[in-house]
Amino acid sequence: MMEKIFIYRILTLFPNATARKLLLMLIFILIFWVIYLASKDHTKFLFSLENHITVNQGNVFKKLSRSEAPLCPTVSPKKTELGIKEIMEKLDQQIPPRPFTHVNTTTSAAHSTATILNPRDTYCRGDQLDILLEMRDHLGHRKQYGGDFLRARMSSPTLMAGASGKVTDFNNGTYLISFTLFWEGQVSLSLLLIHPSEGTSALWQARNQGCDRVIFIGLFANRTSSVFTECGLSLNTNAELCQYMDDRDQEAFYCVRPQYMPCEALTHMTSRTRNISYLSKEEWSLFHRSNIGVEMMKNFAPIEVVPCNKSENIKKSCQIGMKPPFPSGYTLKKMWITAFCKQIKFDETKNINDCLERKFIYLMGDSTLRQWIYYLQKSVKNLKYFDHHGAGIFKTHVLLDVERHILIQWKKHGYPFVTKKLFSVKDENYIPREIDRVAGDKNTAIVITLGQHFRPFPINIFIRRAINIQKAIERLFLRSPETKVILKTENTRELHQNAEMFSDFHGYIQNLIIRDIFVNLNVGIIDAWDMTIAYCTNNAHPPDYVIQNQIGMFLNYIC
């Protein structure tokens, strides 16, 4: 009764009906709150609420801590290690150990025989010419196993024409060499024995024994003092080490820590080759200049190719996702002509500018891609060089055309990077991390190449990097499926330069790995390996006309 009188007297103070309703609502909320606190331990409630907020704040900071961040499940170390192991097992089966007792029992170019299958006086343009190769050793005995590293090429010097031949290994000492007769006229054939099977087996076994054929030297700078120390992908020392670790991708690099300097003081890097070999003295005899790249078809007469009025199949325009065959094309008058897609010629500055307009292009890799940015700077005058802070040729290179909104950037890949020149590591990053920084859209293109700097190191290092790049591309396609990604395979290089570390056999194996890992990704492929064989450059840094045609293929993919 008293509560009703109390409420009635309060309501008389508010004659307005709306005000009365609001007041009643407030009274009921207050009564509910008092009843709730009376029935619960309110002190405990308030404490638990405050504690809950504090724990959540702690979790936020924990997520931001890179050293404690959980590994992304799509790139878990276990999955990556299984992928590496699977590829290594396939390669070990493909390159088994071969007996080597004496040079006389190894493959001999002079004693082996090559026979044209179904020979004719003339051939039609577009025909396939097949040659059966039977390998023998220096004593004239038939070889019973394969594994020889061969390079087949056809050419017409007067036409400045060339193309690769396809080598099929039957693993019994015989090979099928197939040439597609792309042009008419007189065609010369060449087949080089780069390394006998005993040599490739020795290179494979030696490659995977250690990382110490190359020594890295790091420069640590702290105020007015600086010091050099030994660095590497692994170090056999009891000294205190600085570890530079990418936790997610399990990529690691180490330096001996200098006294009185923090690990963060590392600023520059260089490298030197060591006088270390995992080849025996007998095995080294297989890699003397006279035993590398020996011609096997010296006595072959030129092949006569005529038009035959054959109709040429209409090919689709070159597009991302196409898987080039081998050979993927040929050279004619120094121009590269694709064999699998319809090609647009970008031979005028206006055409190139129209293609590049509003494009962001990121070149990621070694100096064979840096050649692209040098060529574009010379040939497309409106692209201006932006002087990015840094010193030397390995700093980040940027070309800009502000009016047309064009940006082209080259950035070197992360460790290992083999060069005698001193380069900065302050902007050092692995390619997967660089890809993660690209937002991407239909006007963004990424070109990737790696391999030359990995040749002196165990193959698992290259496989890990390739898998990590594959995962980064998959992440990119999730957020931006329209971004264009192009892989440029390795160039061939000089035949006689320290075969144990830099042989093209290592590059050939790495190209097989790249094709295997990226087979299901929607990427474009520029087969620089095929192109540089066709051009017969034998140079890690081919001349400008080769670079022009590599860029031409790239423009066909993005425009």
Protein backbone atom coordinates (compact mmCIF):
# COMPACT_ATOMS: atom_id res chain seq x y z
CA MET A 1 0.00 0.00 0.00
CA MET A 2 2.83 2.41 0.92
CA GLU A 3 4.68 1.62 -2.40
CA LYS A 4 1.53 2.55 -4.40
CA ILE A 5 1.10 5.84 -2.53
CA PHE A 6 4.79 6.64 -3.10
CA ILE A 7 4.57 5.96 -6.85
CA TYR A 8 1.26 7.93 -7.07
CA ARG A 9 2.82 11.02 -5.44
CA ILE A 10 5.82 10.88 -7.79
CA LEU A 11 3.56 10.58 -10.85
CA THR A 12 1.55 13.65 -9.79
CA LEU A 13 4.79 15.62 -10.15
CA PHE A 14 4.80 14.72 -13.90
CA PRO A 15 1.40 15.58 -15.42
CA ASN A 16 2.65 14.89 -18.99
CA ALA A 17 1.75 11.31 -20.11
CA THR A 18 4.98 10.72 -22.11
CA ALA A 19 7.16 11.81 -19.22
CA ARG A 20 5.24 9.49 -16.91
CA LYS A 21 5.93 6.49 -19.21
CA LEU A 22 9.65 7.20 -19.32
CA LEU A 23 9.77 7.58 -15.56
CA LEU A 24 7.99 4.25 -15.03
CA MET A 25 10.49 2.50 -17.31
CA LEU A 26 13.43 3.90 -15.34
CA ILE A 27 11.85 2.82 -12.02
CA PHE A 28 11.32 -0.75 -13.21
CA ILE A 29 14.93 -1.01 -14.53
CA LEU A 30 16.25 0.28 -11.20
CA ILE A 31 14.11 -2.21 -9.23
CA PHE A 32 15.35 -5.12 -11.46
CA TRP A 33 19.01 -4.13 -10.99
CA VAL A 34 18.66 -3.94 -7.17
CA ILE A 35 16.99 -7.38 -7.05
CA TYR A 36 19.73 -8.90 -9.29
CA LEU A 37 22.59 -7.54 -7.15
CA ALA A 38 20.90 -8.72 -4.00
CA SER A 39 20.65 -12.27 -5.33
CA LYS A 40 24.26 -12.48 -6.66
CA ASP A 41 27.73 -11.83 -5.40
CA HIS A 42 28.10 -8.54 -7.28
CA THR A 43 31.73 -8.12 -6.32
CA LYS A 44 32.58 -11.40 -7.98
CA PHE A 45 30.57 -10.39 -11.09
CA LEU A 46 32.34 -7.07 -11.54
CA PHE A 47 35.76 -8.66 -11.07
CA SER A 48 35.07 -11.39 -13.61
CA LEU A 49 33.90 -8.81 -16.16
CA GLU A 50 37.03 -6.71 -15.64
CA ASN A 51 39.24 -9.81 -15.87
CA HIS A 52 37.57 -10.90 -19.12
CA ILE A 53 38.40 -7.59 -20.77
CA THR A 54 42.04 -7.77 -19.63
CA VAL A 55 42.50 -11.29 -21.02
CA ASN A 56 41.10 -10.27 -24.41
CA GLN A 57 43.50 -7.33 -24.60
CA GLY A 58 46.38 -9.70 -23.84
CA ASN A 59 45.30 -11.98 -26.69
CA VAL A 60 45.34 -9.08 -29.15
CA PHE A 61 48.93 -8.22 -28.29
CA LYS A 62 49.92 -11.88 -28.52
CA LYS A 63 48.62 -12.13 -32.06
CA LEU A 64 50.69 -9.12 -33.05
CA SER A 65 53.88 -10.73 -31.74
CA ARG A 66 55.60 -12.33 -34.77
CA SER A 67 57.75 -14.65 -32.71
CA GLU A 68 54.68 -16.21 -31.07
CA ALA A 69 52.33 -16.07 -34.05
CA PRO A 70 50.75 -19.44 -34.91
CA LEU A 71 51.88 -20.93 -38.21
CA CYS A 72 49.36 -20.62 -41.03
CA PRO A 73 47.86 -24.10 -41.49
CA THR A 74 48.11 -23.86 -45.29
CA VAL A 75 51.91 -23.62 -45.06
CA SER A 76 52.55 -25.79 -42.05
CA PRO A 77 56.14 -27.04 -41.76
CA LYS A 78 54.89 -30.63 -41.84
CA LYS A 79 53.11 -30.18 -45.17
CA THR A 80 56.09 -28.35 -46.67
CA GLU A 81 58.54 -31.00 -45.46
CA LEU A 82 56.37 -33.75 -46.96
CA GLY A 83 56.32 -31.87 -50.28
CA ILE A 84 60.11 -31.52 -50.26
CA LYS A 85 60.57 -35.19 -49.41
CA GLU A 86 58.21 -36.30 -52.20
CA ILE A 87 60.03 -34.25 -54.85
CA MET A 88 63.45 -35.39 -53.59
CA GLU A 89 62.39 -39.05 -53.86
CA LYS A 90 61.20 -38.55 -57.45
CA LEU A 91 64.49 -36.88 -58.38
CA ASP A 92 66.56 -39.59 -56.72
CA GLN A 93 64.74 -42.16 -58.86
CA GLN A 94 65.31 -40.07 -61.97
CA ILE A 95 69.04 -39.57 -61.23
CA PRO A 96 70.20 -42.85 -59.64
CA PRO A 97 73.86 -43.45 -58.71
CA ARG A 98 75.90 -44.64 -61.69
CA PRO A 99 79.06 -46.75 -61.45
CA PHE A 100 82.22 -44.85 -62.32
CA THR A 101 85.55 -46.65 -62.37
CA HIS A 102 87.35 -45.03 -65.31
CA VAL A 103 86.71 -42.42 -68.01
CA ASN A 104 86.83 -45.20 -70.62
CA THR A 105 83.59 -46.69 -69.26
CA THR A 106 81.67 -43.41 -69.52
CA THR A 107 79.60 -42.20 -72.48
CA SER A 108 81.62 -41.23 -75.53
CA ALA A 109 80.33 -38.75 -78.10
CA ALA A 110 82.74 -40.10 -80.72
CA HIS A 111 81.69 -43.74 -80.36
CA SER A 112 77.93 -43.18 -80.07
CA THR A 113 75.76 -43.34 -83.21
CA ALA A 114 72.84 -41.23 -84.46
CA THR A 115 70.44 -42.48 -87.15
CA ILE A 116 67.64 -40.56 -88.88
CA LEU A 117 64.42 -42.55 -88.77
CA ASN A 118 62.53 -42.80 -92.09
CA PRO A 119 64.93 -40.48 -93.97
CA ARG A 120 63.72 -38.48 -97.02
CA ASP A 121 65.35 -36.22 -99.60
CA THR A 122 63.15 -33.29 -98.58
CA TYR A 123 60.82 -32.56 -95.70
CA CYS A 124 57.77 -30.36 -95.41
CA ARG A 125 57.64 -27.37 -93.14
CA GLY A 126 55.90 -28.48 -89.92
CA ASP A 127 57.09 -32.10 -90.20
CA GLN A 128 58.78 -33.87 -87.31
CA LEU A 129 62.26 -35.26 -87.85
CA ASP A 130 63.22 -38.12 -85.50
CA ILE A 131 66.72 -39.38 -84.75
CA LEU A 132 67.59 -42.52 -82.81
CA LEU A 133 70.69 -42.13 -80.65
CA GLU A 134 72.61 -45.16 -79.36
CA MET A 135 75.18 -44.46 -76.67
CA ARG A 136 78.51 -46.24 -76.35
CA ASP A 137 81.45 -45.82 -74.01
CA HIS A 138 85.04 -44.99 -75.00
CA LEU A 139 85.74 -48.70 -75.52
CA GLY A 140 82.84 -49.03 -77.99
CA HIS A 141 80.54 -50.95 -75.61
CA ARG A 142 76.78 -50.24 -75.69
CA LYS A 143 75.55 -48.30 -72.68
CA GLN A 144 72.85 -50.12 -70.70
CA TYR A 145 71.36 -47.12 -68.89
CA GLY A 146 70.36 -43.52 -69.60
CA GLY A 147 70.84 -40.27 -67.73
CA ASP A 148 73.16 -38.49 -70.18
CA PHE A 149 72.61 -34.72 -70.25
CA LEU A 150 72.07 -33.79 -73.92
CA ARG A 151 71.20 -30.59 -75.75
CA ALA A 152 69.58 -30.76 -79.19
CA ARG A 153 69.29 -27.77 -81.52
CA MET A 154 68.56 -27.08 -85.16
CA SER A 155 69.54 -23.88 -86.94
CA SER A 156 69.81 -21.95 -90.20
CA PRO A 157 72.53 -19.32 -89.69
CA THR A 158 71.68 -17.35 -92.86
CA LEU A 159 68.08 -16.97 -91.64
CA MET A 160 69.22 -16.27 -88.05
CA ALA A 161 66.89 -19.13 -87.12
CA GLY A 162 67.08 -21.71 -84.35
CA ALA A 163 64.97 -24.08 -82.26
CA SER A 164 65.42 -26.66 -79.52
CA GLY A 165 65.02 -30.36 -80.10
CA LYS A 166 63.16 -32.64 -77.70
CA VAL A 167 65.15 -35.44 -76.03
CA THR A 168 63.36 -38.60 -74.84
CA ASP A 169 65.44 -40.90 -72.62
CA PHE A 170 64.45 -44.60 -72.79
CA ASN A 171 66.76 -45.35 -69.83
CA ASN A 172 68.53 -48.16 -71.68
CA GLY A 173 71.28 -46.24 -73.48
CA THR A 174 69.05 -45.13 -76.38
CA TYR A 175 67.38 -41.75 -76.94
CA LEU A 176 64.85 -40.31 -79.36
CA ILE A 177 65.74 -36.81 -80.59
CA SER A 178 62.75 -35.02 -82.16
CA PHE A 179 62.91 -31.80 -84.19
CA THR A 180 59.88 -29.84 -85.42
CA LEU A 181 60.84 -28.31 -88.79
CA PHE A 182 59.44 -24.84 -88.16
CA TRP A 183 60.86 -23.03 -91.24
CA GLU A 184 61.84 -23.79 -94.82
CA GLY A 185 65.34 -23.89 -96.26
CA GLN A 186 68.51 -25.72 -95.29
CA VAL A 187 68.52 -26.77 -91.64
CA SER A 188 71.59 -27.93 -89.70
CA LEU A 189 71.26 -30.27 -86.73
CA SER A 190 73.34 -30.27 -83.56
CA LEU A 191 73.40 -32.63 -80.59
CA LEU A 192 75.75 -31.90 -77.70
CA LEU A 193 76.77 -34.32 -74.98
CA ILE A 194 76.92 -31.81 -72.11
CA HIS A 195 77.66 -34.44 -69.43
CA PRO A 196 77.69 -38.25 -69.54
CA SER A 197 75.32 -40.04 -67.18
CA GLU A 198 78.20 -40.75 -64.81
CA GLY A 199 78.84 -37.01 -64.67
CA THR A 200 75.22 -36.06 -63.95
CA SER A 201 75.09 -38.68 -61.20
CA ALA A 202 78.30 -37.29 -59.66
CA LEU A 203 76.94 -33.72 -59.83
CA TRP A 204 73.68 -34.77 -58.18
CA GLN A 205 75.41 -36.60 -55.32
CA ALA A 206 77.91 -33.76 -54.78
CA ARG A 207 75.27 -31.02 -54.85
CA ASN A 208 73.32 -32.41 -51.92
CA GLN A 209 76.24 -32.89 -49.55
CA GLY A 210 76.71 -29.37 -48.20
CA CYS A 211 76.18 -25.61 -48.33
CA ASP A 212 79.80 -24.59 -47.82
CA ARG A 213 81.04 -24.25 -51.41
CA VAL A 214 80.03 -20.59 -51.12
CA ILE A 215 80.95 -18.40 -48.16
CA PHE A 216 78.84 -15.33 -47.38
CA ILE A 217 80.44 -12.38 -45.63
CA GLY A 218 78.21 -10.01 -43.65
CA LEU A 219 79.04 -6.41 -42.81
CA PHE A 220 77.88 -5.28 -39.37
CA ALA A 221 77.89 -1.53 -38.74
CA ASN A 222 77.40 0.15 -35.35
CA ARG A 223 77.89 3.93 -35.16
CA THR A 224 81.50 4.56 -36.21
CA SER A 225 82.72 0.95 -36.27
CA SER A 226 82.11 -1.91 -38.69
CA VAL A 227 83.20 -5.52 -38.91
CA PHE A 228 82.85 -8.45 -41.34
CA THR A 229 81.85 -11.93 -40.16
CA GLU A 230 81.05 -15.25 -41.81
CA CYS A 231 77.44 -15.95 -42.78
CA GLY A 232 75.56 -18.72 -44.53
CA LEU A 233 72.52 -20.96 -44.89
CA SER A 234 74.16 -23.14 -42.24
CA LEU A 235 77.36 -22.64 -40.24
CA ASN A 236 79.54 -25.31 -38.68
CA THR A 237 80.90 -23.37 -35.71
CA ASN A 238 80.63 -23.11 -31.94
CA ALA A 239 80.60 -19.31 -32.08
CA GLU A 240 77.49 -17.37 -31.06
CA LEU A 241 75.22 -16.96 -34.06
CA CYS A 242 72.69 -14.41 -35.25
CA GLN A 243 69.69 -16.22 -36.70
CA TYR A 244 67.57 -14.44 -39.33
CA MET A 245 64.49 -16.64 -39.41
CA ASP A 246 61.22 -16.53 -41.30
CA ASP A 247 59.12 -18.54 -38.85
CA ARG A 248 56.17 -19.10 -41.16
CA ASP A 249 58.10 -20.36 -44.19
CA GLN A 250 60.98 -21.92 -42.21
CA GLU A 251 63.61 -19.99 -44.19
CA ALA A 252 66.78 -19.34 -42.18
CA PHE A 253 70.10 -17.53 -42.60
CA TYR A 254 72.91 -17.22 -40.05
CA CYS A 255 75.87 -14.98 -39.27
CA VAL A 256 78.59 -15.26 -36.66
CA ARG A 257 77.69 -12.56 -34.16
CA PRO A 258 80.41 -9.90 -33.79
CA GLN A 259 81.48 -8.86 -30.30
CA TYR A 260 79.74 -5.82 -28.86
CA MET A 261 77.27 -5.59 -31.76
CA PRO A 262 73.60 -6.57 -31.98
CA CYS A 263 72.36 -8.89 -34.70
CA GLU A 264 70.29 -6.00 -36.08
CA ALA A 265 73.55 -4.25 -37.07
CA LEU A 266 73.89 -6.46 -40.20
CA THR A 267 73.70 -4.05 -43.17
CA HIS A 268 75.45 -5.56 -46.21
CA MET A 269 76.46 -8.90 -47.69
CA THR A 270 78.85 -10.32 -50.25
CA SER A 271 80.04 -13.82 -51.15
CA ARG A 272 83.06 -15.80 -52.32
CA THR A 273 83.50 -19.31 -53.63
CA ARG A 274 85.52 -21.67 -51.48
CA ASN A 275 88.09 -24.18 -52.63
CA ILE A 276 85.83 -27.04 -51.58
CA SER A 277 84.62 -29.89 -53.78
CA TYR A 278 82.59 -33.03 -53.20
CA LEU A 279 83.77 -34.56 -56.48
CA SER A 280 86.64 -37.01 -56.60
CA LYS A 281 89.70 -36.33 -58.75
CA GLU A 282 88.50 -38.97 -61.23
CA GLU A 283 85.02 -37.43 -61.42
CA TRP A 284 86.50 -33.99 -62.04
CA SER A 285 88.09 -35.33 -65.22
CA LEU A 286 84.55 -35.54 -66.70
CA PHE A 287 84.20 -31.77 -66.38
CA HIS A 288 87.34 -30.62 -68.16
CA ARG A 289 86.56 -28.21 -70.99
CA SER A 290 87.27 -30.84 -73.63
CA ASN A 291 84.65 -33.18 -72.12
CA ILE A 292 81.75 -30.69 -71.83
CA GLY A 293 79.40 -29.97 -74.74
CA VAL A 294 80.94 -32.36 -77.26
CA GLU A 295 79.20 -32.43 -80.67
CA MET A 296 77.71 -35.84 -81.57
CA MET A 297 76.44 -35.25 -85.15
CA LYS A 298 79.40 -33.72 -86.97
CA ASN A 299 78.93 -35.65 -90.21
CA PHE A 300 75.24 -34.93 -90.74
CA ALA A 301 74.34 -33.20 -94.02
CA PRO A 302 71.87 -30.28 -93.82
CA ILE A 303 68.17 -31.15 -94.01
CA GLU A 304 66.18 -29.63 -96.90
CA VAL A 305 62.78 -28.23 -95.85
CA VAL A 306 60.16 -27.05 -98.40
CA PRO A 307 56.72 -25.37 -97.93
CA CYS A 308 54.47 -28.23 -99.29
CA ASN A 309 51.48 -25.81 -99.18
CA LYS A 310 50.51 -27.05 -95.74
CA SER A 311 47.78 -25.06 -94.01
CA GLU A 312 48.75 -23.67 -90.64
CA ASN A 313 46.39 -24.20 -87.72
CA ILE A 314 44.90 -21.01 -86.30
CA LYS A 315 46.15 -20.68 -82.74
CA LYS A 316 44.44 -19.01 -79.80
CA SER A 317 45.84 -15.74 -78.50
CA CYS A 318 48.55 -16.11 -75.86
CA GLN A 319 46.90 -16.24 -72.44
CA ILE A 320 47.77 -16.81 -68.82
CA GLY A 321 47.34 -20.47 -67.89
CA MET A 322 48.55 -21.95 -71.18
CA LYS A 323 51.13 -24.71 -70.70
CA PRO A 324 53.84 -24.32 -73.35
CA PRO A 325 55.07 -27.52 -75.03
CA PHE A 326 58.76 -28.18 -75.68
CA PRO A 327 59.92 -26.69 -77.91
CA SER A 328 57.62 -23.74 -77.25
CA GLY A 329 58.71 -21.80 -80.32
CA TYR A 330 61.62 -20.85 -82.58
CA THR A 331 63.70 -17.88 -83.68
CA LEU A 332 63.59 -16.44 -87.20
CA LYS A 333 65.53 -13.29 -88.11
CA LYS A 334 66.23 -13.01 -84.38
CA MET A 335 62.50 -12.76 -83.58
CA TRP A 336 60.88 -15.31 -81.25
CA ILE A 337 57.80 -16.99 -82.74
CA THR A 338 55.62 -19.04 -80.39
CA ALA A 339 54.46 -22.51 -81.43
CA PHE A 340 51.41 -22.72 -79.15
CA CYS A 341 49.59 -19.36 -79.28
CA LYS A 342 48.87 -16.41 -81.55
CA GLN A 343 51.38 -13.68 -80.83
CA ILE A 344 51.05 -9.89 -81.06
CA LYS A 345 54.22 -8.00 -81.98
CA PHE A 346 55.04 -5.14 -79.65
CA ASP A 347 57.73 -3.45 -81.73
CA GLU A 348 56.66 0.19 -81.42
CA THR A 349 56.82 2.43 -78.37
CA LYS A 350 53.14 3.38 -78.75
CA ASN A 351 52.05 -0.27 -78.69
CA ILE A 352 54.13 -0.92 -75.59
CA ASN A 353 52.78 2.21 -73.85
CA ASP A 354 49.19 1.27 -74.70
CA CYS A 355 49.80 -2.16 -73.16
CA LEU A 356 51.54 -0.84 -70.03
CA GLU A 357 49.13 2.03 -69.32
CA ARG A 358 47.81 1.93 -65.72
CA LYS A 359 49.85 -1.22 -65.02
CA PHE A 360 51.78 -2.02 -61.83
CA ILE A 361 54.48 -4.57 -62.65
CA TYR A 362 56.62 -6.23 -60.01
CA LEU A 363 59.73 -8.10 -61.18
CA MET A 364 61.01 -10.43 -58.45
CA GLY A 365 64.16 -12.47 -58.80
CA ASP A 366 67.71 -12.36 -60.04
CA SER A 367 69.69 -10.16 -62.41
CA THR A 368 68.23 -11.87 -65.51
CA LEU A 369 64.99 -10.02 -64.67
CA ARG A 370 66.89 -6.83 -63.86
CA GLN A 371 67.89 -6.95 -67.54
CA TRP A 372 64.24 -6.36 -68.36
CA ILE A 373 64.14 -3.06 -66.50
CA TYR A 374 67.39 -1.93 -68.17
CA TYR A 375 65.97 -2.78 -71.60
CA LEU A 376 62.66 -0.99 -70.97
CA GLN A 377 64.47 2.11 -69.72
CA LYS A 378 66.45 2.26 -72.99
CA SER A 379 63.63 1.40 -75.39
CA VAL A 380 60.61 3.19 -73.84
CA LYS A 381 61.79 6.77 -73.36
CA ASN A 382 58.79 7.97 -71.37
CA LEU A 383 59.64 5.51 -68.56
CA LYS A 384 61.81 7.48 -66.15
CA TYR A 385 64.19 5.92 -63.67
CA PHE A 386 63.32 6.68 -60.04
CA ASP A 387 66.48 6.85 -57.94
CA HIS A 388 65.59 4.49 -55.13
CA HIS A 389 67.74 4.95 -52.05
CA GLY A 390 70.59 2.47 -51.90
CA ALA A 391 73.87 1.73 -53.59
CA GLY A 392 74.99 -0.65 -56.32
CA ILE A 393 73.21 -2.60 -59.02
CA PHE A 394 71.32 -4.83 -56.57
CA LYS A 395 69.24 -2.07 -54.99
CA THR A 396 65.54 -1.84 -55.83
CA HIS A 397 65.04 -0.46 -59.37
CA VAL A 398 61.91 1.52 -60.27
CA LEU A 399 60.64 2.92 -63.59
CA LEU A 400 57.76 5.40 -63.59
CA ASP A 401 55.49 7.11 -66.09
CA VAL A 402 53.31 9.39 -63.95
CA GLU A 403 51.20 10.57 -66.89
CA ARG A 404 50.21 7.04 -67.92
CA HIS A 405 50.21 5.66 -64.35
CA ILE A 406 52.86 3.01 -65.08
CA LEU A 407 55.08 1.54 -62.37
CA ILE A 408 57.68 -1.17 -63.01
CA GLN A 409 59.80 -2.40 -60.09
CA TRP A 410 62.62 -4.94 -59.85
CA LYS A 411 63.67 -6.33 -56.50
CA LYS A 412 66.22 -9.08 -55.91
CA HIS A 413 65.20 -12.29 -54.23
CA GLY A 414 66.35 -13.13 -50.70
CA TYR A 415 69.17 -15.44 -49.58
CA PRO A 416 71.00 -17.13 -51.16
CA PHE A 417 72.26 -14.39 -53.49
CA VAL A 418 75.74 -15.15 -54.85
CA THR A 419 77.86 -12.17 -55.93
CA LYS A 420 81.24 -10.64 -55.20
CA LYS A 421 79.62 -7.21 -55.14
CA LEU A 422 78.54 -5.79 -51.78
CA PHE A 423 74.77 -5.39 -51.51
CA SER A 424 72.44 -4.04 -48.85
CA VAL A 425 70.30 -6.44 -46.81
CA LYS A 426 68.20 -3.78 -45.05
CA ASP A 427 65.36 -4.21 -47.56
CA GLU A 428 66.07 -7.95 -47.91
CA ASN A 429 62.95 -10.05 -48.26
CA TYR A 430 61.99 -13.46 -49.56
CA ILE A 431 59.75 -13.52 -52.65
CA PRO A 432 56.76 -15.03 -50.76
CA ARG A 433 56.81 -12.05 -48.37
CA GLU A 434 57.00 -9.63 -51.31
CA ILE A 435 54.01 -11.32 -52.95
CA ASP A 436 52.08 -11.03 -49.67
CA ARG A 437 52.58 -7.24 -49.80
CA VAL A 438 50.94 -6.92 -53.24
CA ALA A 439 47.23 -6.07 -53.04
CA GLY A 440 46.68 -7.08 -56.66
CA ASP A 441 44.02 -6.31 -59.27
CA LYS A 442 43.45 -6.78 -63.01
CA ASN A 443 46.12 -4.17 -63.79
CA THR A 444 48.80 -5.76 -61.60
CA ALA A 445 51.34 -8.27 -62.89
CA ILE A 446 54.09 -10.15 -61.08
CA VAL A 447 57.03 -11.81 -62.85
CA ILE A 448 59.16 -14.28 -60.91
CA THR A 449 62.43 -15.99 -61.73
CA LEU A 450 64.90 -17.78 -59.52
CA GLY A 451 67.44 -20.53 -59.89
CA GLN A 452 70.86 -19.26 -60.95
CA HIS A 453 71.87 -18.35 -57.37
CA PHE A 454 70.54 -21.66 -56.01
CA ARG A 455 72.67 -23.93 -58.21
CA PRO A 456 75.62 -24.22 -55.75
CA PHE A 457 73.37 -25.35 -52.87
CA PRO A 458 71.47 -28.55 -51.96
CA ILE A 459 68.30 -28.93 -53.97
CA ASN A 460 65.99 -28.99 -50.92
CA ILE A 461 66.70 -25.25 -50.42
CA PHE A 462 65.38 -24.50 -53.91
CA ILE A 463 62.38 -26.81 -53.48
CA ARG A 464 61.41 -25.12 -50.19
CA ARG A 465 61.56 -21.67 -51.77
CA ALA A 466 59.51 -22.79 -54.78
CA ILE A 467 56.83 -24.32 -52.53
CA ASN A 468 56.69 -21.16 -50.40
CA ILE A 469 56.26 -19.05 -53.55
CA GLN A 470 53.48 -21.38 -54.72
CA LYS A 471 51.65 -20.88 -51.40
CA ALA A 472 52.08 -17.11 -51.62
CA ILE A 473 50.60 -17.10 -55.14
CA GLU A 474 47.64 -19.14 -53.89
CA ARG A 475 47.08 -16.55 -51.14
CA LEU A 476 47.33 -13.78 -53.75
CA PHE A 477 44.72 -15.45 -55.97
CA LEU A 478 42.33 -15.77 -53.01
CA ARG A 479 42.33 -12.01 -52.46
CA SER A 480 42.81 -11.03 -56.10
CA PRO A 481 42.19 -13.74 -58.73
CA GLU A 482 42.59 -11.17 -61.54
CA THR A 483 46.25 -10.47 -60.76
CA LYS A 484 48.52 -11.85 -63.48
CA VAL A 485 51.49 -13.98 -62.43
CA ILE A 486 54.18 -15.03 -64.90
CA LEU A 487 57.08 -17.41 -64.25
CA LYS A 488 60.25 -16.93 -66.29
CA THR A 489 62.35 -20.07 -66.26
CA GLU A 490 66.13 -19.96 -65.97
CA ASN A 491 68.37 -18.99 -68.87
CA THR A 492 71.07 -21.39 -69.95
CA ARG A 493 74.55 -20.10 -69.15
CA GLU A 494 78.26 -20.55 -69.93
CA LEU A 495 79.14 -24.22 -70.47
CA HIS A 496 82.61 -24.25 -68.95
CA GLN A 497 82.20 -22.33 -65.71
CA ASN A 498 82.75 -24.49 -62.58
CA ALA A 499 80.38 -27.34 -63.47
CA GLU A 500 80.08 -28.55 -59.88
CA MET A 501 78.38 -25.31 -58.82
CA PHE A 502 76.93 -23.74 -61.97
CA SER A 503 76.33 -26.49 -64.55
CA ASP A 504 73.17 -26.15 -66.64
CA PHE A 505 72.31 -29.63 -65.40
CA HIS A 506 71.40 -28.02 -62.06
CA GLY A 507 69.26 -25.46 -63.90
CA TYR A 508 67.57 -28.20 -65.91
CA ILE A 509 66.58 -30.05 -62.72
CA GLN A 510 65.31 -26.81 -61.17
CA ASN A 511 63.17 -26.14 -64.24
CA LEU A 512 61.62 -29.61 -63.87
CA ILE A 513 60.85 -28.79 -60.22
CA ILE A 514 59.23 -25.44 -61.11
CA ARG A 515 56.98 -27.07 -63.71
CA ASP A 516 56.00 -29.79 -61.24
CA ILE A 517 55.19 -27.43 -58.35
CA PHE A 518 53.29 -24.83 -60.41
CA VAL A 519 51.50 -27.21 -62.78
CA ASN A 520 48.02 -26.55 -61.33
CA LEU A 521 48.35 -22.78 -60.88
CA ASN A 522 46.82 -20.32 -63.35
CA VAL A 523 50.12 -18.67 -64.27
CA GLY A 524 51.89 -17.75 -67.49
CA ILE A 525 55.23 -19.34 -68.39
CA ILE A 526 58.02 -17.71 -70.35
CA ASP A 527 60.31 -20.60 -71.28
CA ALA A 528 63.62 -18.72 -71.22
CA TRP A 529 65.43 -22.08 -71.12
CA ASP A 530 63.96 -23.02 -74.51
CA MET A 531 64.55 -19.53 -75.92
CA THR A 532 68.20 -19.32 -74.91
CA ILE A 533 68.91 -22.77 -76.40
CA ALA A 534 67.23 -21.68 -79.64
CA TYR A 535 69.30 -18.47 -79.71
CA CYS A 536 72.43 -20.42 -78.64
CA THR A 537 73.51 -17.62 -76.30
CA ASN A 538 75.25 -19.74 -73.63
CA ASN A 539 75.29 -16.71 -71.37
CA ALA A 540 73.53 -16.19 -68.04
CA HIS A 541 72.85 -12.62 -69.24
CA PRO A 542 71.81 -12.96 -72.90
CA PRO A 543 71.97 -10.03 -75.37
CA ASP A 544 69.26 -7.39 -75.76
CA TYR A 545 67.47 -9.07 -78.68
CA VAL A 546 66.76 -12.08 -76.44
CA ILE A 547 65.53 -9.81 -73.62
CA GLN A 548 63.31 -7.99 -76.11
CA ASN A 549 61.61 -11.25 -77.07
CA GLN A 550 61.20 -12.36 -73.46
CA ILE A 551 59.46 -9.03 -72.73
CA GLY A 552 57.40 -9.49 -75.89
CA MET A 553 56.02 -12.76 -74.52
CA PHE A 554 55.27 -11.04 -71.21
CA LEU A 555 53.31 -8.25 -72.96
CA ASN A 556 51.30 -10.88 -74.83
CA TYR A 557 50.28 -12.40 -71.50
CA ILE A 558 49.14 -9.16 -69.85
CA CYS A 559 47.50 -7.30 -72.77
